[in-house]
Amino acid sequence: METLMMALFLIGVGYAVLTTIVGDLFGMEAHAGGLPFLSPTVIATFVTVFGGIGYLLLHNTDLTAVPVAGLALLAALGVSSAILFLVVIPLHAAQKGVALSAKTMIGREAKVVTSIEVRRVGEIVYEQGGSRHSAPAKANGNIEQGAEVRIVGELAGTFVVEKI
């Protein structure tokens, strides 16, 4: 049982280290659609806490395997629930908000503040909700600084614009 607990702990820590180092490069942080409790972050937290607490309790107390597993399960559920409600769900909601706000900009006008060249990204300024925002933009042709443009699409956080 001690070996199992240590293995679970090491798997969880290994996952955390791996996603920290290469997660952004390969998009390892996936989302389970509408089921945020199946997020890899929540699952890894559960496995790490369950294995770590279980190992510590087995190694440092006189408890048998069943009470240790129960206590480790409660601790893992508590910590992974805290991560779910305090980190995963708020971040998921924030990402949805950004995606929706970018899509609502299609058809609106903006101003080029850094000229846009073919195959190069420039920068536009636009107003949304009474606030002024800037964003990267690209176009099919060259657009000089100061030109008025219309947002015609959005691709991976970059607006696609055309000159008015």
C-alpha atoms as a PDB file:
ATOM      1  CA  MET A   1       0.000   0.000   0.000  1.00  0.00           C
ATOM      2  CA  GLU A   2       2.884   2.337   0.805  1.00  0.00           C
ATOM      3  CA  THR A   3       4.323   1.760  -2.668  1.00  0.00           C
ATOM      4  CA  LEU A   4       0.969   2.528  -4.307  1.00  0.00           C
ATOM      5  CA  MET A   5       0.639   5.785  -2.392  1.00  0.00           C
ATOM      6  CA  MET A   6       4.170   6.866  -3.302  1.00  0.00           C
ATOM      7  CA  ALA A   7       3.582   5.953  -6.955  1.00  0.00           C
ATOM      8  CA  LEU A   8       0.383   8.037  -7.083  1.00  0.00           C
ATOM      9  CA  PHE A   9       2.159  10.965  -5.465  1.00  0.00           C
ATOM     10  CA  LEU A  10       5.051  10.767  -7.932  1.00  0.00           C
ATOM     11  CA  ILE A  11       2.687  10.486 -10.903  1.00  0.00           C
ATOM     12  CA  GLY A  12       0.874  13.643  -9.764  1.00  0.00           C
ATOM     13  CA  VAL A  13       4.107  15.566  -9.175  1.00  0.00           C
ATOM     14  CA  GLY A  14       5.502  14.349 -12.514  1.00  0.00           C
ATOM     15  CA  TYR A  15       2.388  15.537 -14.311  1.00  0.00           C
ATOM     16  CA  ALA A  16       2.644  18.957 -12.649  1.00  0.00           C
ATOM     17  CA  VAL A  17       6.306  19.320 -13.606  1.00  0.00           C
ATOM     18  CA  LEU A  18       5.696  18.119 -17.163  1.00  0.00           C
ATOM     19  CA  THR A  19       2.795  20.499 -17.797  1.00  0.00           C
ATOM     20  CA  THR A  20       4.723  23.387 -16.265  1.00  0.00           C
ATOM     21  CA  ILE A  21       7.687  22.800 -18.572  1.00  0.00           C
ATOM     22  CA  VAL A  22       6.016  21.807 -21.841  1.00  0.00           C
ATOM     23  CA  GLY A  23       2.275  22.342 -21.316  1.00  0.00           C
ATOM     24  CA  ASP A  24       2.099  25.588 -23.267  1.00  0.00           C
ATOM     25  CA  LEU A  25       4.150  24.178 -26.135  1.00  0.00           C
ATOM     26  CA  PHE A  26       1.887  21.214 -26.774  1.00  0.00           C
ATOM     27  CA  GLY A  27      -1.436  22.416 -25.325  1.00  0.00           C
ATOM     28  CA  MET A  28      -1.443  19.717 -22.667  1.00  0.00           C
ATOM     29  CA  GLU A  29      -3.961  21.502 -20.459  1.00  0.00           C
ATOM     30  CA  ALA A  30      -7.146  20.211 -22.046  1.00  0.00           C
ATOM     31  CA  HIS A  31     -10.658  20.899 -20.871  1.00  0.00           C
ATOM     32  CA  ALA A  32     -13.358  18.288 -20.558  1.00  0.00           C
ATOM     33  CA  GLY A  33     -15.977  20.424 -22.270  1.00  0.00           C
ATOM     34  CA  GLY A  34     -18.758  21.226 -19.805  1.00  0.00           C
ATOM     35  CA  LEU A  35     -17.297  18.999 -17.069  1.00  0.00           C
ATOM     36  CA  PRO A  36     -14.649  21.089 -15.312  1.00  0.00           C
ATOM     37  CA  PHE A  37     -14.300  18.518 -12.506  1.00  0.00           C
ATOM     38  CA  LEU A  38     -12.710  16.233 -15.116  1.00  0.00           C
ATOM     39  CA  SER A  39     -10.034  18.835 -15.821  1.00  0.00           C
ATOM     40  CA  PRO A  40      -6.519  17.366 -15.838  1.00  0.00           C
ATOM     41  CA  THR A  41      -5.571  19.916 -13.163  1.00  0.00           C
ATOM     42  CA  VAL A  42      -8.266  18.659 -10.791  1.00  0.00           C
ATOM     43  CA  ILE A  43      -7.479  15.013 -11.482  1.00  0.00           C
ATOM     44  CA  ALA A  44      -3.733  15.543 -10.985  1.00  0.00           C
ATOM     45  CA  THR A  45      -4.399  17.432  -7.752  1.00  0.00           C
ATOM     46  CA  PHE A  46      -6.573  14.594  -6.476  1.00  0.00           C
ATOM     47  CA  VAL A  47      -3.993  11.914  -7.338  1.00  0.00           C
ATOM     48  CA  THR A  48      -1.099  13.902  -5.853  1.00  0.00           C
ATOM     49  CA  VAL A  49      -2.863  14.718  -2.574  1.00  0.00           C
ATOM     50  CA  PHE A  50      -4.310  11.206  -2.203  1.00  0.00           C
ATOM     51  CA  GLY A  51      -0.907   9.600  -2.727  1.00  0.00           C
ATOM     52  CA  GLY A  52       1.021  12.109  -0.622  1.00  0.00           C
ATOM     53  CA  ILE A  53      -1.332  12.128   2.371  1.00  0.00           C
ATOM     54  CA  GLY A  54      -1.744   8.369   2.173  1.00  0.00           C
ATOM     55  CA  TYR A  55       2.002   7.799   2.179  1.00  0.00           C
ATOM     56  CA  LEU A  56       2.561  10.210   5.076  1.00  0.00           C
ATOM     57  CA  LEU A  57      -0.182   8.625   7.160  1.00  0.00           C
ATOM     58  CA  LEU A  58       1.014   5.073   6.474  1.00  0.00           C
ATOM     59  CA  HIS A  59       4.605   5.992   7.197  1.00  0.00           C
ATOM     60  CA  ASN A  60       4.090   8.188  10.278  1.00  0.00           C
ATOM     61  CA  THR A  61       1.063   6.730  12.101  1.00  0.00           C
ATOM     62  CA  ASP A  62      -0.082   3.355  13.364  1.00  0.00           C
ATOM     63  CA  LEU A  63      -3.238   3.430  11.242  1.00  0.00           C
ATOM     64  CA  THR A  64      -4.076   0.510   8.983  1.00  0.00           C
ATOM     65  CA  ALA A  65      -4.621   0.800   5.234  1.00  0.00           C
ATOM     66  CA  VAL A  66      -8.422   1.283   5.288  1.00  0.00           C
ATOM     67  CA  PRO A  67      -8.530   4.341   7.631  1.00  0.00           C
ATOM     68  CA  VAL A  68      -5.506   5.808   5.833  1.00  0.00           C
ATOM     69  CA  ALA A  69      -7.243   5.414   2.466  1.00  0.00           C
ATOM     70  CA  GLY A  70     -10.405   7.036   3.886  1.00  0.00           C
ATOM     71  CA  LEU A  71      -8.526  10.004   5.360  1.00  0.00           C
ATOM     72  CA  ALA A  72      -6.439  10.414   2.202  1.00  0.00           C
ATOM     73  CA  LEU A  73      -9.633  10.271   0.123  1.00  0.00           C
ATOM     74  CA  LEU A  74     -11.259  13.012   2.221  1.00  0.00           C
ATOM     75  CA  ALA A  75      -8.157  15.199   2.026  1.00  0.00           C
ATOM     76  CA  ALA A  76      -7.854  14.683  -1.741  1.00  0.00           C
ATOM     77  CA  LEU A  77     -11.542  15.482  -2.292  1.00  0.00           C
ATOM     78  CA  GLY A  78     -11.221  18.633  -0.189  1.00  0.00           C
ATOM     79  CA  VAL A  79      -8.099  19.984  -1.885  1.00  0.00           C
ATOM     80  CA  SER A  80      -9.201  19.099  -5.416  1.00  0.00           C
ATOM     81  CA  SER A  81     -12.623  20.683  -4.743  1.00  0.00           C
ATOM     82  CA  ALA A  82     -10.891  23.860  -3.580  1.00  0.00           C
ATOM     83  CA  ILE A  83      -8.776  23.890  -6.764  1.00  0.00           C
ATOM     84  CA  LEU A  84     -11.897  23.277  -8.851  1.00  0.00           C
ATOM     85  CA  PHE A  85     -13.942  26.112  -7.333  1.00  0.00           C
ATOM     86  CA  LEU A  86     -11.148  28.615  -6.715  1.00  0.00           C
ATOM     87  CA  VAL A  87      -9.025  28.117  -9.850  1.00  0.00           C
ATOM     88  CA  VAL A  88     -10.429  25.925 -12.643  1.00  0.00           C
ATOM     89  CA  ILE A  89     -14.023  27.212 -12.849  1.00  0.00           C
ATOM     90  CA  PRO A  90     -13.081  30.931 -12.640  1.00  0.00           C
ATOM     91  CA  LEU A  91     -10.372  30.499 -15.306  1.00  0.00           C
ATOM     92  CA  HIS A  92     -12.718  28.534 -17.542  1.00  0.00           C
ATOM     93  CA  ALA A  93     -15.367  31.258 -17.223  1.00  0.00           C
ATOM     94  CA  ALA A  94     -12.804  33.981 -17.971  1.00  0.00           C
ATOM     95  CA  GLN A  95     -11.648  32.183 -21.126  1.00  0.00           C
ATOM     96  CA  LYS A  96     -15.247  31.875 -22.329  1.00  0.00           C
ATOM     97  CA  GLY A  97     -15.778  35.598 -21.721  1.00  0.00           C
ATOM     98  CA  VAL A  98     -12.730  36.560 -23.793  1.00  0.00           C
ATOM     99  CA  ALA A  99     -13.767  34.288 -26.663  1.00  0.00           C
ATOM    100  CA  LEU A 100     -17.295  35.676 -26.694  1.00  0.00           C
ATOM    101  CA  SER A 101     -16.119  39.299 -26.570  1.00  0.00           C
ATOM    102  CA  ALA A 102     -13.756  38.761 -29.522  1.00  0.00           C
ATOM    103  CA  LYS A 103     -16.574  37.262 -31.609  1.00  0.00           C
ATOM    104  CA  THR A 104     -18.844  40.229 -30.834  1.00  0.00           C
ATOM    105  CA  MET A 105     -16.257  42.587 -32.352  1.00  0.00           C
ATOM    106  CA  ILE A 106     -16.754  41.191 -35.850  1.00  0.00           C
ATOM    107  CA  GLY A 107     -18.241  43.907 -38.052  1.00  0.00           C
ATOM    108  CA  ARG A 108     -17.073  46.786 -35.851  1.00  0.00           C
ATOM    109  CA  GLU A 109     -14.624  49.492 -36.829  1.00  0.00           C
ATOM    110  CA  ALA A 110     -11.135  50.051 -35.425  1.00  0.00           C
ATOM    111  CA  LYS A 111      -8.050  52.155 -36.106  1.00  0.00           C
ATOM    112  CA  VAL A 112      -4.615  50.829 -37.069  1.00  0.00           C
ATOM    113  CA  VAL A 113      -1.913  52.014 -34.645  1.00  0.00           C
ATOM    114  CA  THR A 114       0.913  49.832 -35.966  1.00  0.00           C
ATOM    115  CA  SER A 115       0.861  49.325 -39.719  1.00  0.00           C
ATOM    116  CA  ILE A 116      -0.157  45.913 -40.996  1.00  0.00           C
ATOM    117  CA  GLU A 117       1.899  44.291 -43.730  1.00  0.00           C
ATOM    118  CA  VAL A 118       1.204  41.166 -45.751  1.00  0.00           C
ATOM    119  CA  ARG A 119       2.116  38.073 -43.665  1.00  0.00           C
ATOM    120  CA  ARG A 120       2.900  40.305 -40.660  1.00  0.00           C
ATOM    121  CA  VAL A 121       0.812  41.245 -37.665  1.00  0.00           C
ATOM    122  CA  GLY A 122       0.063  44.868 -36.820  1.00  0.00           C
ATOM    123  CA  GLU A 123      -1.973  46.407 -34.035  1.00  0.00           C
ATOM    124  CA  ILE A 124      -5.424  47.988 -33.892  1.00  0.00           C
ATOM    125  CA  VAL A 125      -7.266  50.026 -31.281  1.00  0.00           C
ATOM    126  CA  TYR A 126     -11.002  49.631 -30.738  1.00  0.00           C
ATOM    127  CA  GLU A 127     -13.642  50.537 -28.187  1.00  0.00           C
ATOM    128  CA  GLN A 128     -15.714  47.975 -26.370  1.00  0.00           C
ATOM    129  CA  GLY A 129     -17.955  48.564 -23.394  1.00  0.00           C
ATOM    130  CA  GLY A 130     -16.775  52.143 -23.025  1.00  0.00           C
ATOM    131  CA  SER A 131     -13.127  51.096 -22.781  1.00  0.00           C
ATOM    132  CA  ARG A 132     -10.360  51.408 -25.317  1.00  0.00           C
ATOM    133  CA  HIS A 133      -8.502  48.175 -26.144  1.00  0.00           C
ATOM    134  CA  SER A 134      -5.645  47.215 -28.432  1.00  0.00           C
ATOM    135  CA  ALA A 135      -5.178  43.886 -30.149  1.00  0.00           C
ATOM    136  CA  PRO A 136      -3.021  42.226 -32.787  1.00  0.00           C
ATOM    137  CA  ALA A 137      -4.450  42.269 -36.301  1.00  0.00           C
ATOM    138  CA  LYS A 138      -3.639  40.964 -39.760  1.00  0.00           C
ATOM    139  CA  ALA A 139      -4.983  41.654 -43.234  1.00  0.00           C
ATOM    140  CA  ASN A 140      -4.727  40.388 -46.820  1.00  0.00           C
ATOM    141  CA  GLY A 141      -2.832  43.511 -47.875  1.00  0.00           C
ATOM    142  CA  ASN A 142      -0.790  46.365 -46.460  1.00  0.00           C
ATOM    143  CA  ILE A 143      -2.675  48.819 -44.259  1.00  0.00           C
ATOM    144  CA  GLU A 144      -0.892  51.956 -43.071  1.00  0.00           C
ATOM    145  CA  GLN A 145      -0.899  53.410 -39.564  1.00  0.00           C
ATOM    146  CA  GLY A 146      -3.920  55.606 -38.845  1.00  0.00           C
ATOM    147  CA  ALA A 147      -6.218  53.848 -41.336  1.00  0.00           C
ATOM    148  CA  GLU A 148      -9.776  52.969 -40.372  1.00  0.00           C
ATOM    149  CA  VAL A 149     -10.531  49.246 -40.656  1.00  0.00           C
ATOM    150  CA  ARG A 150     -13.425  46.862 -40.153  1.00  0.00           C
ATOM    151  CA  ILE A 151     -12.967  43.674 -38.133  1.00  0.00           C
ATOM    152  CA  VAL A 152     -14.051  40.765 -40.318  1.00  0.00           C
ATOM    153  CA  GLY A 153     -12.880  37.820 -38.259  1.00  0.00           C
ATOM    154  CA  GLU A 154     -10.817  36.495 -35.383  1.00  0.00           C
ATOM    155  CA  LEU A 155      -8.232  33.741 -35.491  1.00  0.00           C
ATOM    156  CA  ALA A 156      -6.393  32.519 -32.390  1.00  0.00           C
ATOM    157  CA  GLY A 157      -6.610  35.873 -30.626  1.00  0.00           C
ATOM    158  CA  THR A 158      -5.651  37.946 -33.688  1.00  0.00           C
ATOM    159  CA  PHE A 159      -8.285  40.038 -35.444  1.00  0.00           C
ATOM    160  CA  VAL A 160      -8.589  39.835 -39.224  1.00  0.00           C
ATOM    161  CA  VAL A 161      -9.332  43.294 -40.637  1.00  0.00           C
ATOM    162  CA  GLU A 162     -10.034  45.006 -43.958  1.00  0.00           C
ATOM    163  CA  LYS A 163      -9.565  48.635 -44.886  1.00  0.00           C
ATOM    164  CA  ILE A 164     -12.740  50.690 -44.997  1.00  0.00           C
END
